[in-house]
Amino acid sequence: MTPLAQETDLYRADFEALAARRASAEPGWLARRREEAMGRFEKRGFPTTRDEEWRFTSVAPIARTAFRRAVPGPGVRGRAADVAALSLDHVFDGRQIVFVDGRHAPGLSSIEAEDGLEIRSLADVLARQPDRLEPHLGRLAGGRSSSFADLNAAFVEDGAFVSIPPGLVTDRPIHLVFLSSGAGTPDPVVSHPRTLVLAGRASQATIVESYAGVPGAAYFTNAVTEIAVEDGAVVDHYKLQRESEAAFHVATTAVVQARSSRFSSHSFALGAGLARNDVRQLFAGEGGECVLNGLFAVAGDQHTDSHTFIDHAHPHCTSRELYRGILDGRARGVFVGRILVREGAQKTDAHQTNKNLLLSREALVDSVPQLEILASDVKCKHGSTTGQLDPSALFYLRSRGIPEAAARGMLVSAFAGDVTGRVRVPALRAGLERHLRERLPGLQDRDMQEAVL
């Protein structure tokens, strides 16, 4: 048996069991999309470092682990405290839907009906109104989808469905919580949560996705989020990833923007032993605006990888991208950002920046900003910097009587603040800053301190 077959056979067996169980309960179009996605996954297998898109990140630990689909069980119990910690002083009351091991947990959710806004379990929509999902589910993340996105499409059972009706402007954020218990089978578990957001014409909404798990638990979260932003709509999207540092987290966010729409993404990768986050955005109409901001802060042996792709397929569109990384210990960070300006996409305005801060001599980051321009009348630029704390700034603070650890913390917090300060949900921003304050004091390079002294 070939290594590829060994890696995929377990998933095929799980897939056949799932297909048999759901054969009479789901529409034919979904069964066909499942089978097509599973076929693509079996053909390609897991990516390797020989693949250009994955050359900085090895997923061998995922491929070699016999993950089993999480099953409903006692993992739901005892998670109320975790939900409360993520709820940020009740700011999400009435707008929060919770999933444990990829399945809806109604007892932990809090959803109030309001002006046609729908916040539902994807499984509920599939059971009651499957035709509503056919034009969207799997369509936005299709095309050049990764093996992991195909695996999600093959095993999708539940997740979040958010529909904002045309013209609705809501200033209260919507919280989608995904918790992993790391339990349910004798083997490590995997969940495949799916999120579908439909923002109607001229609507406005704020969506927050939070991912967390039991500290120390080994599990695999393989998530896909699809967001359709119709003409004139505005979506402010946040993703907070604080998985267990023994866990794996792979996620794809696919966004399609119609004419004169605005989309902003703020991604915070703080957890997981191995994490990969892909954001793929497409301007499907003129006059759109897109903002992609991100911060990854990792230490120890953590590895985090952020890939972004902005597709300027129509003229008169603007994109702004800022990603910052903070790395300590033997951590490894990756940022690959690609901006494509297609032929005919005149008057494109695109800026991309990646800045990284290394707090130890063993930390490493790979930064690859990319511009591909096929139009002539554009304004585009990109840049990348990687360095350590400024010794002169550190000396200045110490000369003012500030202890070295506090001075380092201030400088690192200021570096992160360029991203966290752009968060428009005050409670979320305060929670992030508090989490970073608790985390960053431990990100200290003793050798650098001795050199400064």
Protein backbone atom coordinates (compact mmCIF):
# COMPACT_ATOMS: atom_id res chain seq x y z
CA MET A 1 0.00 0.00 0.00
CA THR A 2 1.36 3.43 -0.94
CA PRO A 3 1.89 6.11 1.74
CA LEU A 4 -0.84 8.19 0.08
CA ALA A 5 -3.33 5.32 0.36
CA GLN A 6 -2.38 4.74 3.98
CA GLU A 7 -3.05 8.38 4.79
CA THR A 8 -6.43 8.51 3.03
CA ASP A 9 -7.87 5.03 3.72
CA LEU A 10 -8.90 5.91 7.26
CA TYR A 11 -10.82 8.95 6.00
CA ARG A 12 -12.45 6.90 3.23
CA ALA A 13 -13.72 4.39 5.81
CA ASP A 14 -15.11 7.20 7.97
CA PHE A 15 -16.62 8.80 4.88
CA GLU A 16 -18.42 5.60 3.85
CA ALA A 17 -19.87 5.27 7.34
CA LEU A 18 -21.07 8.89 7.27
CA ALA A 19 -22.54 8.55 3.76
CA ALA A 20 -24.44 5.39 4.73
CA ARG A 21 -25.87 7.03 7.83
CA ARG A 22 -26.98 10.19 5.99
CA ALA A 23 -28.03 8.62 2.67
CA SER A 24 -31.77 9.07 3.25
CA ALA A 25 -31.53 12.34 5.15
CA GLU A 26 -29.80 14.73 2.78
CA PRO A 27 -30.40 16.09 -0.72
CA GLY A 28 -28.73 14.56 -3.75
CA TRP A 29 -26.74 17.71 -4.57
CA LEU A 30 -24.99 17.57 -1.19
CA ALA A 31 -24.21 13.85 -1.51
CA ARG A 32 -22.66 14.51 -4.93
CA ARG A 33 -20.55 17.39 -3.62
CA ARG A 34 -19.39 15.21 -0.74
CA GLU A 35 -18.30 12.43 -3.08
CA GLU A 36 -16.56 14.84 -5.46
CA ALA A 37 -14.67 16.46 -2.58
CA MET A 38 -13.65 13.08 -1.17
CA GLY A 39 -12.44 12.02 -4.60
CA ARG A 40 -10.27 15.12 -4.90
CA PHE A 41 -8.83 14.52 -1.44
CA GLU A 42 -7.98 10.90 -2.22
CA LYS A 43 -6.35 11.90 -5.49
CA ARG A 44 -4.14 14.58 -3.96
CA GLY A 45 -3.75 13.40 -0.38
CA PHE A 46 -2.31 15.71 2.22
CA PRO A 47 -0.01 18.45 0.92
CA THR A 48 3.74 18.13 1.43
CA THR A 49 6.60 20.62 1.53
CA ARG A 50 7.15 19.82 -2.15
CA ASP A 51 3.92 21.74 -2.87
CA GLU A 52 4.62 25.44 -3.39
CA GLU A 53 1.70 26.51 -1.21
CA TRP A 54 3.00 24.38 1.66
CA ARG A 55 6.77 24.53 1.31
CA PHE A 56 7.25 26.25 4.68
CA THR A 57 4.79 24.07 6.62
CA SER A 58 4.87 20.31 7.07
CA VAL A 59 1.53 18.72 7.91
CA ALA A 60 3.12 15.29 8.43
CA PRO A 61 2.00 15.23 12.11
CA ILE A 62 -1.60 15.55 10.90
CA ALA A 63 -1.24 13.01 8.10
CA ARG A 64 0.35 10.43 10.40
CA THR A 65 -2.24 10.69 13.16
CA ALA A 66 -5.30 8.44 13.09
CA PHE A 67 -7.94 11.07 13.79
CA ARG A 68 -11.53 9.95 14.23
CA ARG A 69 -14.62 12.07 13.79
CA ALA A 70 -15.78 13.49 17.09
CA VAL A 71 -19.03 11.94 18.28
CA PRO A 72 -21.67 13.52 20.52
CA GLY A 73 -20.82 12.88 24.13
CA PRO A 74 -20.07 14.36 27.52
CA GLY A 75 -17.76 16.97 25.99
CA VAL A 76 -20.66 19.46 26.02
CA ARG A 77 -20.90 19.36 29.79
CA GLY A 78 -18.61 21.66 31.71
CA ARG A 79 -18.04 24.04 28.79
CA ALA A 80 -20.19 26.86 30.14
CA ALA A 81 -17.13 28.41 31.82
CA ASP A 82 -15.22 28.32 28.52
CA VAL A 83 -18.10 30.03 26.73
CA ALA A 84 -18.34 32.66 29.47
CA ALA A 85 -14.62 33.41 29.11
CA LEU A 86 -15.03 33.95 25.39
CA SER A 87 -18.23 35.98 25.76
CA LEU A 88 -16.35 39.07 26.97
CA ASP A 89 -18.58 40.47 29.70
CA HIS A 90 -21.84 39.46 28.03
CA VAL A 91 -21.25 41.64 24.98
CA PHE A 92 -22.59 38.81 22.79
CA ASP A 93 -25.76 38.06 24.78
CA GLY A 94 -28.54 37.14 22.38
CA ARG A 95 -26.15 36.88 19.45
CA GLN A 96 -24.07 33.82 20.28
CA ILE A 97 -24.20 30.32 18.81
CA VAL A 98 -21.93 27.64 20.27
CA PHE A 99 -20.57 24.42 18.79
CA VAL A 100 -18.74 21.71 20.72
CA ASP A 101 -16.62 19.30 18.68
CA GLY A 102 -18.26 20.64 15.55
CA ARG A 103 -21.87 20.17 16.71
CA HIS A 104 -24.41 22.74 17.80
CA ALA A 105 -24.80 23.06 21.58
CA PRO A 106 -28.20 24.76 22.06
CA GLY A 107 -27.84 24.78 25.85
CA LEU A 108 -24.73 26.97 25.59
CA SER A 109 -26.09 29.25 22.86
CA SER A 110 -28.02 32.48 23.21
CA ILE A 111 -29.92 33.62 20.13
CA GLU A 112 -32.67 36.22 19.92
CA ALA A 113 -34.87 36.79 16.87
CA GLU A 114 -34.41 40.21 15.31
CA ASP A 115 -35.59 41.88 12.09
CA GLY A 116 -35.12 38.87 9.83
CA LEU A 117 -31.55 38.20 11.00
CA GLU A 118 -30.88 34.45 11.07
CA ILE A 119 -28.23 32.82 13.29
CA ARG A 120 -28.76 29.09 12.98
CA SER A 121 -27.12 25.73 13.00
CA LEU A 122 -26.14 24.62 9.51
CA ALA A 123 -27.51 21.16 10.31
CA ASP A 124 -30.90 22.72 11.04
CA VAL A 125 -30.95 24.54 7.70
CA LEU A 126 -29.88 21.35 5.88
CA ALA A 127 -32.72 19.46 7.53
CA ARG A 128 -35.43 22.07 6.96
CA GLN A 129 -34.42 24.21 3.97
CA PRO A 130 -31.60 22.50 2.07
CA ASP A 131 -32.40 24.32 -1.18
CA ARG A 132 -31.32 27.61 0.43
CA LEU A 133 -27.80 26.27 0.75
CA GLU A 134 -27.33 24.74 -2.68
CA PRO A 135 -26.23 27.97 -4.48
CA HIS A 136 -23.67 28.79 -1.79
CA LEU A 137 -22.38 25.86 0.26
CA GLY A 138 -19.05 24.78 -1.17
CA ARG A 139 -19.29 27.20 -4.08
CA LEU A 140 -17.27 30.04 -2.55
CA ALA A 141 -14.48 27.83 -1.21
CA GLY A 142 -14.41 25.65 -4.33
CA GLY A 143 -12.21 26.07 -7.35
CA ARG A 144 -8.63 26.05 -6.09
CA SER A 145 -9.58 24.54 -2.74
CA SER A 146 -6.95 22.81 -0.65
CA SER A 147 -7.00 19.16 0.40
CA PHE A 148 -8.13 20.28 3.84
CA ALA A 149 -11.06 22.26 2.42
CA ASP A 150 -12.02 19.20 0.38
CA LEU A 151 -11.88 17.07 3.52
CA ASN A 152 -14.18 19.55 5.24
CA ALA A 153 -16.60 19.48 2.30
CA ALA A 154 -16.66 15.69 2.40
CA PHE A 155 -17.45 15.52 6.12
CA VAL A 156 -19.51 18.65 6.69
CA GLU A 157 -22.39 17.97 9.08
CA ASP A 158 -22.85 21.10 11.13
CA GLY A 159 -21.64 24.64 11.61
CA ALA A 160 -22.97 28.17 11.64
CA PHE A 161 -25.38 29.78 9.20
CA VAL A 162 -25.76 33.56 9.35
CA SER A 163 -28.07 35.40 6.98
CA ILE A 164 -28.33 39.19 7.13
CA PRO A 165 -31.35 40.37 5.14
CA PRO A 166 -31.01 43.22 2.60
CA GLY A 167 -30.88 46.65 4.19
CA LEU A 168 -30.46 45.47 7.78
CA VAL A 169 -27.83 47.44 9.69
CA THR A 170 -26.96 45.81 12.99
CA ASP A 171 -24.39 47.23 15.39
CA ARG A 172 -24.41 44.29 17.83
CA PRO A 173 -21.72 41.71 16.99
CA ILE A 174 -22.59 38.10 16.20
CA HIS A 175 -20.44 35.51 17.97
CA LEU A 176 -19.73 32.05 16.53
CA VAL A 177 -18.00 29.87 19.14
CA PHE A 178 -16.24 26.60 18.25
CA LEU A 179 -14.97 24.60 21.23
CA SER A 180 -13.07 21.31 21.15
CA SER A 181 -13.17 18.89 24.05
CA GLY A 182 -10.56 16.51 22.65
CA ALA A 183 -12.80 13.63 23.77
CA GLY A 184 -15.42 11.25 22.41
CA THR A 185 -13.28 8.39 21.02
CA PRO A 186 -10.18 6.51 22.24
CA ASP A 187 -8.27 8.11 19.35
CA PRO A 188 -7.53 11.82 18.75
CA VAL A 189 -10.61 13.50 17.31
CA VAL A 190 -11.19 15.75 14.33
CA SER A 191 -14.06 18.14 13.70
CA HIS A 192 -14.96 19.85 10.43
CA PRO A 193 -17.01 22.96 11.31
CA ARG A 194 -18.46 24.93 8.42
CA THR A 195 -19.62 28.54 8.48
CA LEU A 196 -21.73 30.24 5.82
CA VAL A 197 -22.40 33.98 6.01
CA LEU A 198 -24.76 35.66 3.53
CA ALA A 199 -24.78 39.46 3.74
CA GLY A 200 -27.68 40.86 1.72
CA ARG A 201 -27.59 43.99 -0.40
CA ALA A 202 -26.74 47.15 1.62
CA SER A 203 -26.66 45.26 4.92
CA GLN A 204 -24.07 45.74 7.68
CA ALA A 205 -22.90 43.26 10.30
CA THR A 206 -20.00 42.28 12.55
CA ILE A 207 -19.08 38.59 12.82
CA VAL A 208 -16.69 37.16 15.43
CA GLU A 209 -15.40 33.57 15.14
CA SER A 210 -13.74 32.13 18.26
CA TYR A 211 -11.88 28.80 18.37
CA ALA A 212 -10.68 27.28 21.65
CA GLY A 213 -10.16 23.93 23.30
CA VAL A 214 -9.30 22.09 26.49
CA PRO A 215 -5.74 23.09 27.48
CA GLY A 216 -3.29 20.31 26.71
CA ALA A 217 -5.78 18.30 24.63
CA ALA A 218 -4.64 16.88 21.29
CA TYR A 219 -7.25 17.26 18.56
CA PHE A 220 -7.63 18.59 15.02
CA THR A 221 -9.96 21.42 13.96
CA ASN A 222 -10.42 21.63 10.18
CA ALA A 223 -12.64 24.66 9.54
CA VAL A 224 -14.02 26.38 6.44
CA THR A 225 -15.81 29.73 6.41
CA GLU A 226 -17.60 31.09 3.33
CA ILE A 227 -18.75 34.71 3.20
CA ALA A 228 -20.83 36.25 0.39
CA VAL A 229 -21.02 40.06 0.51
CA GLU A 230 -23.66 41.42 -1.86
CA ASP A 231 -23.82 44.86 -3.50
CA GLY A 232 -23.17 47.67 -1.05
CA ALA A 233 -22.98 45.37 1.98
CA VAL A 234 -20.46 45.84 4.80
CA VAL A 235 -19.03 42.93 6.82
CA ASP A 236 -16.51 43.33 9.63
CA HIS A 237 -15.10 39.86 10.38
CA TYR A 238 -12.91 38.76 13.30
CA LYS A 239 -11.28 35.41 13.92
CA LEU A 240 -9.74 34.56 17.29
CA GLN A 241 -7.81 31.26 17.40
CA ARG A 242 -6.76 30.14 20.88
CA GLU A 243 -6.64 26.36 20.48
CA SER A 244 -4.77 24.04 22.82
CA GLU A 245 -1.03 24.15 22.13
CA ALA A 246 -1.15 20.37 21.59
CA ALA A 247 -3.83 20.77 18.90
CA PHE A 248 -3.84 21.28 15.14
CA HIS A 249 -5.85 24.03 13.48
CA VAL A 250 -6.31 24.39 9.72
CA ALA A 251 -8.81 26.91 8.38
CA THR A 252 -9.89 28.42 5.08
CA THR A 253 -11.88 31.65 4.80
CA ALA A 254 -13.30 32.33 1.33
CA VAL A 255 -14.85 35.73 0.60
CA VAL A 256 -16.64 36.95 -2.53
CA GLN A 257 -17.45 40.66 -2.72
CA ALA A 258 -20.02 42.14 -5.08
CA ARG A 259 -20.14 45.70 -6.39
CA SER A 260 -19.30 48.55 -3.96
CA SER A 261 -19.12 46.20 -0.97
CA ARG A 262 -16.75 46.46 1.98
CA PHE A 263 -15.13 43.59 3.84
CA SER A 264 -12.60 43.67 6.65
CA SER A 265 -10.89 40.71 8.25
CA HIS A 266 -8.99 40.72 11.55
CA SER A 267 -7.26 37.42 12.31
CA PHE A 268 -5.53 36.59 15.60
CA ALA A 269 -3.56 33.33 15.74
CA LEU A 270 -2.42 32.75 19.31
CA GLY A 271 -2.83 29.02 19.96
CA ALA A 272 -2.34 25.52 18.49
CA GLY A 273 0.90 23.62 18.11
CA LEU A 274 0.49 23.71 14.32
CA ALA A 275 -1.84 26.25 12.71
CA ARG A 276 -2.56 27.24 9.12
CA ASN A 277 -4.96 30.01 8.16
CA ASP A 278 -5.86 30.73 4.52
CA VAL A 279 -7.86 33.80 3.48
CA ARG A 280 -8.97 33.92 -0.16
CA GLN A 281 -10.84 36.99 -1.33
CA LEU A 282 -12.36 37.87 -4.72
CA PHE A 283 -13.62 41.22 -6.00
CA ALA A 284 -16.57 40.06 -8.13
CA GLY A 285 -17.70 43.61 -8.91
CA GLU A 286 -16.36 47.14 -9.23
CA GLY A 287 -15.76 49.62 -6.45
CA GLY A 288 -15.14 47.18 -3.60
CA GLU A 289 -12.94 47.69 -0.55
CA CYS A 290 -11.12 44.95 1.36
CA VAL A 291 -8.99 45.10 4.51
CA LEU A 292 -7.03 42.09 5.78
CA ASN A 293 -5.33 42.54 9.15
CA GLY A 294 -3.66 39.81 11.17
CA LEU A 295 -1.51 39.14 14.22
CA PHE A 296 0.20 35.90 15.17
CA ALA A 297 1.98 35.55 18.51
CA VAL A 298 3.64 32.18 19.16
CA ALA A 299 6.32 30.73 21.42
CA GLY A 300 7.95 27.45 22.39
CA ASP A 301 7.70 25.00 19.46
CA GLN A 302 4.53 26.45 17.95
CA HIS A 303 4.26 26.79 14.18
CA THR A 304 1.78 29.19 12.57
CA ASP A 305 1.25 29.84 8.87
CA SER A 306 -0.85 32.65 7.34
CA HIS A 307 -1.61 32.67 3.62
CA THR A 308 -3.68 35.41 2.00
CA PHE A 309 -4.83 35.91 -1.57
CA ILE A 310 -6.60 39.07 -2.79
CA ASP A 311 -7.98 38.80 -6.32
CA HIS A 312 -8.56 42.17 -8.01
CA ALA A 313 -10.71 40.87 -10.85
CA HIS A 314 -12.58 44.16 -11.42
CA PRO A 315 -11.54 47.82 -11.68
CA HIS A 316 -11.79 50.60 -9.10
CA CYS A 317 -11.20 48.34 -6.09
CA THR A 318 -9.05 49.02 -3.03
CA SER A 319 -7.28 46.60 -0.69
CA ARG A 320 -5.18 47.16 2.42
CA GLU A 321 -3.31 44.38 4.19
CA LEU A 322 -1.30 44.45 7.43
CA TYR A 323 0.01 41.32 9.15
CA ARG A 324 2.32 41.31 12.17
CA GLY A 325 4.08 38.41 13.83
CA ILE A 326 5.64 38.03 17.28
CA LEU A 327 7.78 34.93 17.84
CA ASP A 328 9.69 33.63 20.84
CA GLY A 329 11.48 30.41 21.78
CA ARG A 330 11.85 28.05 18.82
CA ALA A 331 8.59 29.15 17.24
CA ARG A 332 8.20 29.29 13.48
CA GLY A 333 6.01 31.78 11.61
CA VAL A 334 5.05 32.00 7.96
CA PHE A 335 3.37 34.81 6.07
CA VAL A 336 2.66 34.46 2.35
CA GLY A 337 0.49 37.21 0.90
CA ARG A 338 -0.41 37.35 -2.77
CA ILE A 339 -2.22 40.16 -4.55
CA LEU A 340 -3.34 39.51 -8.13
CA VAL A 341 -4.40 42.43 -10.31
CA ARG A 342 -6.05 40.95 -13.37
CA GLU A 343 -6.01 42.38 -16.86
CA GLY A 344 -8.66 45.07 -17.09
CA ALA A 345 -8.70 45.77 -13.34
CA GLN A 346 -7.67 49.39 -13.86
CA LYS A 347 -7.56 51.94 -11.04
CA THR A 348 -6.67 49.23 -8.54
CA ASP A 349 -5.19 50.52 -5.27
CA ALA A 350 -3.48 47.79 -3.25
CA HIS A 351 -1.07 47.99 -0.31
CA GLN A 352 0.41 45.04 1.61
CA THR A 353 2.69 45.10 4.68
CA ASN A 354 4.14 42.34 6.84
CA LYS A 355 6.27 43.11 9.94
CA ASN A 356 7.73 40.52 12.29
CA LEU A 357 9.35 40.73 15.70
CA LEU A 358 11.74 37.98 16.85
CA LEU A 359 12.20 37.76 20.62
CA SER A 360 14.72 34.92 20.62
CA ARG A 361 17.66 33.85 18.52
CA GLU A 362 16.01 30.53 17.68
CA ALA A 363 12.71 31.95 16.41
CA LEU A 364 12.29 32.00 12.64
CA VAL A 365 9.85 33.59 10.23
CA ASP A 366 9.42 33.24 6.47
CA SER A 367 7.81 36.28 4.85
CA VAL A 368 6.84 36.21 1.17
CA PRO A 369 4.80 39.23 -0.02
CA GLN A 370 3.79 38.90 -3.66
CA LEU A 371 2.33 41.22 -6.32
CA GLU A 372 1.20 40.03 -9.74
CA ILE A 373 0.04 42.95 -11.86
CA LEU A 374 -1.52 42.44 -15.29
CA ALA A 375 -3.09 45.93 -15.62
CA SER A 376 -1.33 49.22 -16.37
CA ASP A 377 -3.20 51.96 -14.50
CA VAL A 378 -2.77 50.80 -10.89
CA LYS A 379 -1.25 51.90 -7.59
CA CYS A 380 0.28 48.95 -5.76
CA LYS A 381 3.04 48.41 -3.24
CA HIS A 382 4.16 45.82 -0.72
CA GLY A 383 6.86 45.46 1.92
CA SER A 384 8.21 43.17 4.61
CA THR A 385 10.50 43.66 7.64
CA THR A 386 11.80 41.28 10.30
CA GLY A 387 13.89 42.28 13.31
CA GLN A 388 14.37 42.31 17.08
CA LEU A 389 13.51 44.86 19.73
CA ASP A 390 15.28 48.19 19.25
CA PRO A 391 18.10 48.27 21.85
CA SER A 392 18.03 52.09 21.95
CA ALA A 393 14.28 52.11 22.72
CA LEU A 394 14.82 49.50 25.42
CA PHE A 395 17.71 51.52 26.89
CA TYR A 396 15.60 54.69 26.87
CA LEU A 397 12.81 53.04 28.86
CA ARG A 398 15.24 51.50 31.34
CA SER A 399 16.97 54.83 31.82
CA ARG A 400 13.60 56.18 32.96
CA GLY A 401 13.49 53.63 35.76
CA ILE A 402 11.29 51.05 34.05
CA PRO A 403 12.34 47.45 34.82
CA GLU A 404 13.66 45.53 31.85
CA ALA A 405 10.86 42.96 31.73
CA ALA A 406 8.25 45.72 31.84
CA ALA A 407 10.11 47.73 29.20
CA ARG A 408 10.23 44.74 26.87
CA GLY A 409 6.56 44.11 27.49
CA MET A 410 5.71 47.71 26.63
CA LEU A 411 7.61 47.57 23.35
CA VAL A 412 6.10 44.25 22.33
CA SER A 413 2.61 45.41 23.28
CA ALA A 414 3.08 48.55 21.19
CA PHE A 415 4.15 46.40 18.25
CA ALA A 416 1.01 44.26 18.58
CA GLY A 417 -1.14 47.34 19.20
CA ASP A 418 -0.92 48.41 15.58
CA VAL A 419 -3.24 45.48 14.81
CA THR A 420 -5.27 45.12 18.02
CA GLY A 421 -5.95 48.85 18.00
CA ARG A 422 -7.91 48.42 14.76
CA VAL A 423 -10.48 46.14 16.40
CA ARG A 424 -13.83 47.95 16.43
CA VAL A 425 -15.50 45.82 19.10
CA PRO A 426 -14.32 47.44 22.35
CA ALA A 427 -14.82 44.36 24.54
CA LEU A 428 -13.01 42.16 22.02
CA ARG A 429 -10.13 44.61 21.79
CA ALA A 430 -9.85 44.76 25.59
CA GLY A 431 -9.95 40.96 25.81
CA LEU A 432 -7.20 40.61 23.22
CA GLU A 433 -5.02 43.17 24.93
CA ARG A 434 -5.54 41.44 28.28
CA HIS A 435 -4.66 38.05 26.78
CA LEU A 436 -1.52 39.47 25.18
CA ARG A 437 -0.46 41.20 28.39
CA GLU A 438 -0.70 37.89 30.20
CA ARG A 439 1.16 36.08 27.45
CA LEU A 440 3.80 38.52 26.31
CA PRO A 441 5.78 38.87 29.58
CA GLY A 442 6.87 35.24 29.09
CA LEU A 443 8.18 35.99 25.60
CA GLN A 444 11.63 36.96 26.78
CA ASP A 445 15.00 36.21 25.21
CA ARG A 446 17.42 35.92 28.10
CA ASP A 447 20.43 36.11 25.76
CA MET A 448 19.22 39.43 24.34
CA GLN A 449 18.73 40.79 27.85
CA GLU A 450 22.29 39.87 28.76
CA ALA A 451 23.58 41.51 25.58
CA VAL A 452 21.74 44.74 26.40
CA LEU A 453 23.16 44.68 29.92
